[in-house]
N, C-alpha and C. Protein backbone atom coordinates (compact mmCIF):
# COMPACT_ATOMS: atom_id res chain seq x y z
N MET A 1 -30.63 12.45 -18.38
CA MET A 1 -30.67 13.12 -17.17
C MET A 1 -31.44 12.17 -15.96
N SER A 2 -32.27 11.35 -16.34
CA SER A 2 -32.77 10.42 -15.52
C SER A 2 -31.98 9.52 -14.79
N ALA A 3 -30.75 9.03 -15.59
CA ALA A 3 -29.78 8.38 -14.93
C ALA A 3 -29.04 9.16 -13.90
N GLN A 4 -28.77 10.43 -13.96
CA GLN A 4 -28.21 11.24 -12.87
C GLN A 4 -29.17 11.29 -11.75
N ARG A 5 -30.39 11.55 -12.02
CA ARG A 5 -31.46 11.69 -10.96
C ARG A 5 -31.46 10.51 -10.32
N GLY A 6 -31.49 9.28 -10.82
CA GLY A 6 -31.47 7.91 -10.22
C GLY A 6 -30.24 7.77 -9.47
N ALA A 7 -28.99 8.22 -9.90
CA ALA A 7 -27.80 7.93 -9.15
C ALA A 7 -27.83 8.97 -7.89
N ALA A 8 -28.35 10.15 -8.07
CA ALA A 8 -28.41 10.98 -6.68
C ALA A 8 -29.32 10.28 -5.81
N ASP A 9 -30.44 9.68 -6.34
CA ASP A 9 -31.31 9.03 -5.45
C ASP A 9 -30.66 7.93 -4.53
N VAL A 10 -30.00 6.89 -5.30
CA VAL A 10 -29.35 5.94 -4.78
C VAL A 10 -28.31 6.65 -3.84
N ALA A 11 -27.52 7.47 -4.15
CA ALA A 11 -26.34 8.13 -3.25
C ALA A 11 -27.02 8.64 -2.17
N GLU A 12 -28.14 9.32 -2.14
CA GLU A 12 -28.79 9.81 -0.84
C GLU A 12 -29.24 8.75 0.00
N GLU A 13 -30.00 7.83 -0.81
CA GLU A 13 -30.56 6.60 0.08
C GLU A 13 -29.54 5.78 0.92
N PHE A 14 -28.40 5.64 0.19
CA PHE A 14 -27.27 4.84 0.86
C PHE A 14 -26.23 5.49 1.56
N GLN A 15 -26.33 6.89 1.64
CA GLN A 15 -25.24 7.63 2.12
C GLN A 15 -24.84 7.34 3.53
N GLU A 16 -25.78 7.23 4.56
CA GLU A 16 -25.51 6.89 5.99
C GLU A 16 -24.98 5.48 6.08
N ARG A 17 -25.48 4.46 5.28
CA ARG A 17 -24.85 3.17 5.34
C ARG A 17 -23.46 3.10 4.84
N ILE A 18 -23.24 3.94 3.80
CA ILE A 18 -21.86 3.85 3.11
C ILE A 18 -20.91 4.38 4.22
N GLN A 19 -21.31 5.61 4.84
CA GLN A 19 -20.49 6.22 5.74
C GLN A 19 -20.17 5.16 7.17
N ARG A 20 -21.32 4.52 7.47
CA ARG A 20 -20.97 3.52 8.48
C ARG A 20 -20.14 2.40 8.24
N PHE A 21 -20.29 1.97 6.92
CA PHE A 21 -19.54 0.93 6.43
C PHE A 21 -18.03 1.35 6.61
N PHE A 22 -17.52 2.44 6.19
CA PHE A 22 -16.18 2.97 6.36
C PHE A 22 -15.79 3.28 7.72
N ARG A 23 -16.75 3.83 8.39
CA ARG A 23 -16.39 4.15 9.86
C ARG A 23 -16.13 2.87 10.59
N GLY A 24 -16.89 1.84 10.31
CA GLY A 24 -16.63 0.53 11.09
C GLY A 24 -15.28 -0.19 10.76
N ARG A 25 -14.82 0.29 9.49
CA ARG A 25 -13.63 -0.42 9.10
C ARG A 25 -12.31 0.18 9.27
N CYS A 26 -12.40 1.55 9.36
CA CYS A 26 -11.23 2.54 9.38
C CYS A 26 -11.19 3.24 10.58
N PRO A 27 -10.16 3.17 11.44
CA PRO A 27 -9.94 3.83 12.58
C PRO A 27 -9.96 5.27 12.43
N ASN A 28 -9.32 5.67 11.42
CA ASN A 28 -9.04 7.28 10.96
C ASN A 28 -10.25 7.76 10.51
N PRO A 29 -10.95 8.79 11.19
CA PRO A 29 -12.30 9.44 10.64
C PRO A 29 -12.02 10.07 9.37
N GLU A 30 -10.99 10.76 9.10
CA GLU A 30 -10.57 11.52 7.81
C GLU A 30 -10.56 10.40 6.77
N ASP A 31 -9.91 9.49 6.98
CA ASP A 31 -9.76 8.31 5.76
C ASP A 31 -11.23 7.78 5.47
N ALA A 32 -11.92 7.49 6.58
CA ALA A 32 -13.36 6.96 6.50
C ALA A 32 -14.09 7.87 5.58
N GLU A 33 -14.01 9.11 5.94
CA GLU A 33 -14.88 10.18 5.27
C GLU A 33 -14.44 10.19 3.74
N ASP A 34 -13.09 10.13 3.48
CA ASP A 34 -12.47 10.26 2.11
C ASP A 34 -13.07 8.97 1.42
N MET A 35 -13.08 7.83 1.87
CA MET A 35 -13.50 6.60 1.25
C MET A 35 -14.84 6.70 1.06
N ALA A 36 -15.76 7.30 1.85
CA ALA A 36 -17.30 7.35 1.66
C ALA A 36 -17.36 8.20 0.54
N GLN A 37 -16.72 9.51 0.56
CA GLN A 37 -16.73 10.42 -0.65
C GLN A 37 -16.40 9.81 -2.11
N GLU A 38 -15.40 8.90 -1.97
CA GLU A 38 -15.01 8.26 -3.07
C GLU A 38 -16.00 7.28 -3.47
N ALA A 39 -16.59 6.57 -2.71
CA ALA A 39 -17.74 5.50 -3.07
C ALA A 39 -18.96 6.27 -3.50
N LEU A 40 -19.25 7.41 -2.98
CA LEU A 40 -20.40 8.26 -3.42
C LEU A 40 -20.23 8.74 -4.84
N CYS A 41 -18.79 9.18 -5.22
CA CYS A 41 -18.42 9.47 -6.42
C CYS A 41 -18.61 8.36 -7.48
N ALA A 42 -18.16 7.22 -7.09
CA ALA A 42 -18.07 6.10 -7.86
C ALA A 42 -19.72 5.71 -8.32
N ILE A 43 -20.54 5.80 -7.31
CA ILE A 43 -21.98 5.54 -7.64
C ILE A 43 -22.49 6.48 -8.47
N LEU A 44 -22.22 7.75 -8.29
CA LEU A 44 -22.72 8.94 -9.35
C LEU A 44 -22.16 8.63 -10.76
N GLU A 45 -20.81 8.29 -10.88
CA GLU A 45 -20.17 8.14 -12.15
C GLU A 45 -20.63 6.81 -12.72
N GLY A 46 -20.70 5.75 -11.96
CA GLY A 46 -21.17 4.36 -12.52
C GLY A 46 -22.57 3.90 -12.56
N TYR A 47 -23.43 4.82 -12.23
CA TYR A 47 -24.95 4.48 -12.14
C TYR A 47 -25.44 4.23 -13.52
N GLY A 48 -24.86 4.86 -14.63
CA GLY A 48 -25.38 4.73 -15.85
C GLY A 48 -24.91 3.30 -16.42
N ARG A 49 -24.00 2.58 -15.70
CA ARG A 49 -23.50 1.25 -16.18
C ARG A 49 -24.22 0.17 -15.11
N PHE A 50 -25.06 0.61 -14.33
CA PHE A 50 -25.60 -0.43 -13.45
C PHE A 50 -26.83 -0.92 -14.07
N ARG A 51 -26.80 -2.31 -14.40
CA ARG A 51 -27.89 -2.72 -15.25
C ARG A 51 -29.11 -3.51 -14.45
N GLY A 52 -28.95 -3.32 -13.08
CA GLY A 52 -30.06 -3.82 -12.38
C GLY A 52 -30.12 -5.40 -12.16
N LEU A 53 -28.90 -6.06 -12.37
CA LEU A 53 -28.84 -7.56 -12.21
C LEU A 53 -28.61 -7.81 -10.79
N SER A 54 -28.50 -7.01 -9.90
CA SER A 54 -28.66 -7.30 -8.49
C SER A 54 -29.43 -6.11 -7.95
N SER A 55 -29.68 -6.05 -6.65
CA SER A 55 -30.41 -4.98 -5.98
C SER A 55 -29.29 -3.79 -5.90
N PRO A 56 -29.82 -2.56 -5.81
CA PRO A 56 -28.92 -1.44 -5.50
C PRO A 56 -27.97 -1.58 -4.52
N SER A 57 -28.54 -2.26 -3.29
CA SER A 57 -27.81 -2.32 -2.08
C SER A 57 -26.66 -3.14 -2.22
N THR A 58 -26.75 -4.31 -2.79
CA THR A 58 -25.76 -5.23 -3.38
C THR A 58 -24.60 -4.47 -4.27
N TRP A 59 -25.10 -3.65 -5.28
CA TRP A 59 -24.25 -2.91 -5.97
C TRP A 59 -23.40 -1.91 -5.23
N VAL A 60 -24.23 -1.25 -4.51
CA VAL A 60 -23.47 -0.15 -3.46
C VAL A 60 -22.52 -0.71 -2.69
N TYR A 61 -22.73 -1.95 -2.04
CA TYR A 61 -21.92 -2.60 -1.12
C TYR A 61 -20.66 -3.10 -1.96
N ALA A 62 -20.72 -3.59 -3.25
CA ALA A 62 -19.55 -3.97 -3.88
C ALA A 62 -18.79 -2.91 -4.18
N ILE A 63 -19.42 -1.64 -4.46
CA ILE A 63 -18.58 -0.36 -4.59
C ILE A 63 -17.79 -0.09 -3.49
N CYS A 64 -18.47 -0.26 -2.34
CA CYS A 64 -17.80 0.15 -1.08
C CYS A 64 -16.69 -0.78 -0.63
N ARG A 65 -16.90 -2.05 -1.05
CA ARG A 65 -15.77 -3.15 -0.65
C ARG A 65 -14.48 -2.82 -1.85
N ASN A 66 -14.80 -2.44 -2.92
CA ASN A 66 -13.62 -2.11 -3.90
C ASN A 66 -13.04 -1.03 -3.42
N VAL A 67 -13.60 0.13 -3.03
CA VAL A 67 -13.10 1.44 -2.61
C VAL A 67 -12.13 1.01 -1.35
N TYR A 68 -12.70 0.30 -0.47
CA TYR A 68 -11.97 -0.01 0.70
C TYR A 68 -10.69 -0.83 0.29
N GLY A 69 -10.95 -2.03 -0.45
CA GLY A 69 -9.88 -2.69 -0.67
C GLY A 69 -8.78 -1.94 -1.45
N SER A 70 -9.02 -1.12 -2.45
CA SER A 70 -8.05 -0.26 -3.18
C SER A 70 -7.37 0.70 -2.14
N HIS A 71 -8.08 1.40 -1.20
CA HIS A 71 -7.58 2.05 -0.28
C HIS A 71 -6.45 1.47 0.65
N MET A 72 -6.98 0.24 0.98
CA MET A 72 -5.87 -0.49 1.92
C MET A 72 -4.75 -0.94 1.04
N TYR A 73 -4.86 -1.41 -0.11
CA TYR A 73 -3.72 -1.85 -0.93
C TYR A 73 -2.88 -0.77 -1.23
N TYR A 74 -3.41 0.32 -1.82
CA TYR A 74 -2.56 1.41 -2.18
C TYR A 74 -2.09 2.33 -1.14
N GLY A 75 -2.96 2.35 -0.08
CA GLY A 75 -2.43 2.99 1.17
C GLY A 75 -1.38 2.24 1.77
N MET A 76 -1.43 1.10 1.99
CA MET A 76 -0.34 0.42 2.52
C MET A 76 1.05 0.38 1.57
N ARG A 77 0.91 0.41 0.42
CA ARG A 77 1.90 0.59 -0.56
C ARG A 77 2.62 1.94 -0.56
N ARG A 78 1.85 3.01 -0.35
CA ARG A 78 2.12 4.42 -0.30
C ARG A 78 2.89 4.70 1.06
N HIS A 79 2.18 3.90 2.01
CA HIS A 79 2.84 4.15 3.36
C HIS A 79 4.26 3.47 3.41
N ARG A 80 4.57 2.23 2.78
CA ARG A 80 5.72 1.72 2.75
C ARG A 80 6.83 2.55 1.94
N LEU A 81 6.21 2.96 0.76
CA LEU A 81 7.15 3.97 0.01
C LEU A 81 7.41 5.26 0.82
N THR A 82 6.55 5.82 1.28
CA THR A 82 6.76 7.07 2.04
C THR A 82 7.70 6.91 3.17
N ARG A 83 7.63 5.77 3.85
CA ARG A 83 8.48 5.42 4.99
C ARG A 83 9.84 5.11 4.46
N ALA A 84 10.12 4.52 3.46
CA ALA A 84 11.41 4.31 3.05
C ALA A 84 12.01 5.71 2.33
N LEU A 85 11.21 6.39 1.72
CA LEU A 85 11.78 7.64 1.08
C LEU A 85 12.04 8.51 2.16
N HIS A 86 11.45 8.72 3.36
CA HIS A 86 11.63 9.56 4.20
C HIS A 86 12.49 9.25 5.37
N ALA A 87 12.97 7.89 5.37
CA ALA A 87 13.93 7.29 6.39
C ALA A 87 15.34 8.10 6.26
N VAL A 88 15.55 8.88 7.30
CA VAL A 88 16.62 9.85 7.24
C VAL A 88 17.55 9.33 8.26
N PRO A 89 18.78 8.89 8.04
CA PRO A 89 19.67 8.39 9.29
C PRO A 89 20.04 9.47 10.14
N GLU A 90 19.94 9.09 11.42
CA GLU A 90 20.11 10.17 12.66
C GLU A 90 21.53 10.40 12.74
N SER A 91 22.61 9.33 12.48
CA SER A 91 23.86 9.75 12.63
C SER A 91 24.85 8.96 11.69
N GLY A 92 24.30 8.82 10.45
CA GLY A 92 25.28 8.07 9.45
C GLY A 92 24.65 6.89 8.76
N PRO A 93 25.23 6.50 7.77
CA PRO A 93 24.52 5.53 6.99
C PRO A 93 24.33 4.11 7.66
N SER A 94 25.15 3.89 8.73
CA SER A 94 24.94 2.65 9.32
C SER A 94 23.52 2.44 10.00
N GLU A 95 22.98 3.48 10.06
CA GLU A 95 21.51 3.41 10.73
C GLU A 95 20.53 3.56 9.64
N THR A 96 20.89 3.66 8.29
CA THR A 96 19.85 3.67 7.31
C THR A 96 19.32 2.14 7.23
N PRO A 97 17.89 2.08 7.07
CA PRO A 97 17.44 0.69 7.02
C PRO A 97 18.12 0.03 5.74
N THR A 98 18.19 -1.42 6.04
CA THR A 98 18.97 -2.28 4.84
C THR A 98 18.22 -2.26 3.64
N GLU A 99 16.79 -2.21 3.63
CA GLU A 99 16.10 -2.23 2.41
C GLU A 99 16.27 -0.93 1.75
N LEU A 100 16.46 0.15 2.37
CA LEU A 100 16.62 1.58 1.56
C LEU A 100 18.09 1.54 1.10
N ARG A 101 19.02 1.04 1.77
CA ARG A 101 20.39 1.00 1.36
C ARG A 101 20.63 0.11 0.13
N ILE A 102 19.80 -1.03 0.11
CA ILE A 102 19.91 -1.72 -1.13
C ILE A 102 19.41 -1.01 -2.25
N LEU A 103 18.18 -0.45 -2.01
CA LEU A 103 17.56 0.36 -3.07
C LEU A 103 18.35 1.53 -3.58
N MET A 104 19.07 2.23 -2.61
CA MET A 104 19.96 3.20 -3.06
C MET A 104 21.11 2.99 -3.83
N GLU A 105 21.57 1.60 -3.59
CA GLU A 105 22.73 1.13 -4.38
C GLU A 105 22.27 1.01 -5.80
N ASP A 106 21.08 0.78 -6.12
CA ASP A 106 20.58 0.46 -7.44
C ASP A 106 20.20 1.62 -8.30
N LEU A 107 20.24 2.83 -7.48
CA LEU A 107 19.83 4.00 -8.19
C LEU A 107 21.39 4.70 -8.92
N SER A 108 21.20 5.39 -9.89
CA SER A 108 22.33 5.93 -10.53
C SER A 108 22.71 7.24 -9.53
N PRO A 109 23.99 7.52 -9.80
CA PRO A 109 24.52 8.69 -8.89
C PRO A 109 23.51 9.96 -9.09
N ALA A 110 23.12 10.25 -10.26
CA ALA A 110 22.18 11.34 -10.49
C ALA A 110 20.97 11.28 -9.67
N GLU A 111 20.38 10.09 -9.67
CA GLU A 111 19.06 9.82 -9.02
C GLU A 111 19.29 9.74 -7.39
N ARG A 112 20.57 9.34 -6.95
CA ARG A 112 20.95 9.41 -5.50
C ARG A 112 21.02 10.84 -5.09
N GLU A 113 21.56 11.56 -5.92
CA GLU A 113 21.64 13.10 -5.73
C GLU A 113 20.34 13.66 -5.47
N LEU A 114 19.54 13.35 -6.42
CA LEU A 114 18.26 13.92 -6.52
C LEU A 114 17.46 13.43 -4.98
N TYR A 115 17.56 12.33 -4.85
CA TYR A 115 16.92 11.71 -3.68
C TYR A 115 17.50 12.59 -2.41
N ASP A 116 18.80 12.87 -2.36
CA ASP A 116 19.43 13.45 -1.17
C ASP A 116 18.92 14.79 -1.03
N LEU A 117 18.90 15.53 -2.28
CA LEU A 117 18.41 16.88 -2.15
C LEU A 117 17.03 17.14 -1.78
N PHE A 118 16.12 16.35 -2.32
CA PHE A 118 14.76 16.46 -2.02
C PHE A 118 14.36 15.72 -0.67
N TYR A 119 14.59 14.57 -0.34
CA TYR A 119 14.16 13.79 0.64
C TYR A 119 15.06 14.08 1.92
N VAL A 120 16.47 14.13 1.81
CA VAL A 120 17.20 14.26 3.02
C VAL A 120 17.66 15.68 3.40
N GLN A 121 18.04 16.68 2.42
CA GLN A 121 18.24 17.85 2.62
C GLN A 121 16.89 18.75 2.61
N ASP A 122 15.80 18.16 2.09
CA ASP A 122 14.55 18.85 2.11
C ASP A 122 14.45 20.12 1.40
N LEU A 123 15.14 20.03 0.31
CA LEU A 123 15.25 21.39 -0.63
C LEU A 123 13.94 21.38 -1.55
N GLY A 124 13.48 22.60 -1.73
CA GLY A 124 12.36 22.56 -2.62
C GLY A 124 12.75 22.51 -4.02
N ILE A 125 11.64 22.44 -4.89
CA ILE A 125 11.97 22.18 -6.38
C ILE A 125 12.78 23.34 -7.11
N ARG A 126 12.49 24.52 -6.43
CA ARG A 126 13.21 25.66 -7.32
C ARG A 126 14.60 25.63 -6.74
N ALA A 127 15.09 25.30 -5.41
CA ALA A 127 16.57 25.27 -4.98
C ALA A 127 17.19 24.13 -5.84
N ILE A 128 16.29 22.93 -5.85
CA ILE A 128 17.20 21.68 -6.53
C ILE A 128 17.43 22.18 -7.97
N GLY A 129 16.42 22.96 -8.66
CA GLY A 129 16.67 23.28 -10.07
C GLY A 129 17.86 24.40 -10.08
N ALA A 130 17.91 25.04 -9.05
CA ALA A 130 19.19 26.11 -9.23
C ALA A 130 20.41 25.25 -9.04
N ARG A 131 20.35 24.23 -8.08
CA ARG A 131 21.62 23.77 -7.81
C ARG A 131 21.92 22.77 -8.91
N LEU A 132 21.09 22.07 -9.58
CA LEU A 132 21.36 21.17 -10.81
C LEU A 132 21.39 21.98 -12.02
N GLY A 133 20.93 23.32 -12.06
CA GLY A 133 20.97 23.97 -13.24
C GLY A 133 19.97 23.38 -14.25
N ARG A 134 18.71 23.06 -13.73
CA ARG A 134 17.80 22.47 -14.52
C ARG A 134 16.53 23.26 -14.10
N PRO A 135 15.56 23.53 -15.17
CA PRO A 135 14.27 24.07 -15.02
C PRO A 135 13.33 23.16 -14.03
N GLU A 136 12.58 24.24 -13.29
CA GLU A 136 11.59 23.41 -12.22
C GLU A 136 10.76 22.35 -12.84
N GLY A 137 10.24 22.45 -14.01
CA GLY A 137 9.53 21.30 -14.61
C GLY A 137 10.29 20.10 -14.99
N THR A 138 11.49 20.28 -15.26
CA THR A 138 12.60 19.03 -15.39
C THR A 138 12.68 18.40 -14.13
N VAL A 139 12.98 19.11 -13.04
CA VAL A 139 13.25 18.80 -11.64
C VAL A 139 11.96 17.87 -11.25
N LYS A 140 10.78 18.46 -11.50
CA LYS A 140 9.55 17.57 -11.22
C LYS A 140 9.32 16.47 -11.86
N TYR A 141 9.67 16.35 -13.25
CA TYR A 141 9.58 15.15 -13.90
C TYR A 141 10.58 14.19 -13.44
N LEU A 142 11.99 14.68 -13.11
CA LEU A 142 13.09 13.75 -12.55
C LEU A 142 12.50 13.21 -11.24
N LEU A 143 11.86 13.81 -10.40
CA LEU A 143 11.35 13.33 -9.04
C LEU A 143 10.15 12.25 -9.49
N PHE A 144 9.38 12.65 -10.31
CA PHE A 144 8.26 11.57 -10.69
C PHE A 144 8.99 10.34 -11.16
N ARG A 145 9.89 10.35 -11.84
CA ARG A 145 10.73 9.18 -12.57
C ARG A 145 11.49 8.46 -11.40
N LEU A 146 11.85 8.97 -10.51
CA LEU A 146 12.59 8.68 -9.26
C LEU A 146 11.46 7.84 -8.33
N ARG A 147 10.58 8.53 -8.17
CA ARG A 147 9.33 7.85 -7.27
C ARG A 147 8.94 6.66 -7.88
N ARG A 148 8.59 6.73 -9.28
CA ARG A 148 8.23 5.51 -9.93
C ARG A 148 9.23 4.60 -10.03
N ARG A 149 10.49 4.85 -10.21
CA ARG A 149 11.64 3.78 -10.11
C ARG A 149 11.66 3.11 -8.74
N ILE A 150 11.68 3.79 -7.60
CA ILE A 150 11.72 3.39 -6.43
C ILE A 150 10.43 2.58 -6.08
N ARG A 151 9.39 2.98 -6.48
CA ARG A 151 8.06 2.20 -6.26
C ARG A 151 8.03 0.92 -7.02
N ASP A 152 8.74 0.91 -8.28
CA ASP A 152 8.82 -0.54 -9.00
C ASP A 152 9.80 -1.21 -8.43
N MET A 153 10.92 -0.79 -7.71
CA MET A 153 11.85 -1.72 -6.87
C MET A 153 11.30 -2.18 -5.65
N ILE A 154 10.30 -1.59 -5.05
CA ILE A 154 9.72 -2.03 -3.86
C ILE A 154 8.79 -3.27 -4.16
N GLU A 155 8.11 -3.08 -5.28
CA GLU A 155 7.21 -4.05 -5.58
C GLU A 155 7.94 -5.33 -6.06
């Protein structure tokens, strides 16, 4: 219990500095707040592993740096993937971004159909399941696999 009390003390002591750290690096206040909360959670969860080889402020700063770096890396990757997945041609396939056309060519016909139903036609899971004759859970799993496949292709 003393480790938890120590973690809460450290989190409370550094809370304002943590928020300032993220506000100074992130133009979006909601993202800055999310990252600050993530860092505070990491402090609370990881305090039992803190061995005191550095000052608490150095340890907290390292956590903030790692949270920010992860957010930037995964955020940019997620942004690229989302942009690619939601790129809907305005008047036909000739306006589809080249990268997306190349990705789509590598998908199986079933994957392309699922992509079209979900991302282009904007159908819900239930409607896709009814159209494909599949249970909703199966559709969710197929979408998960499709996203993972596209993510792997982008990387």
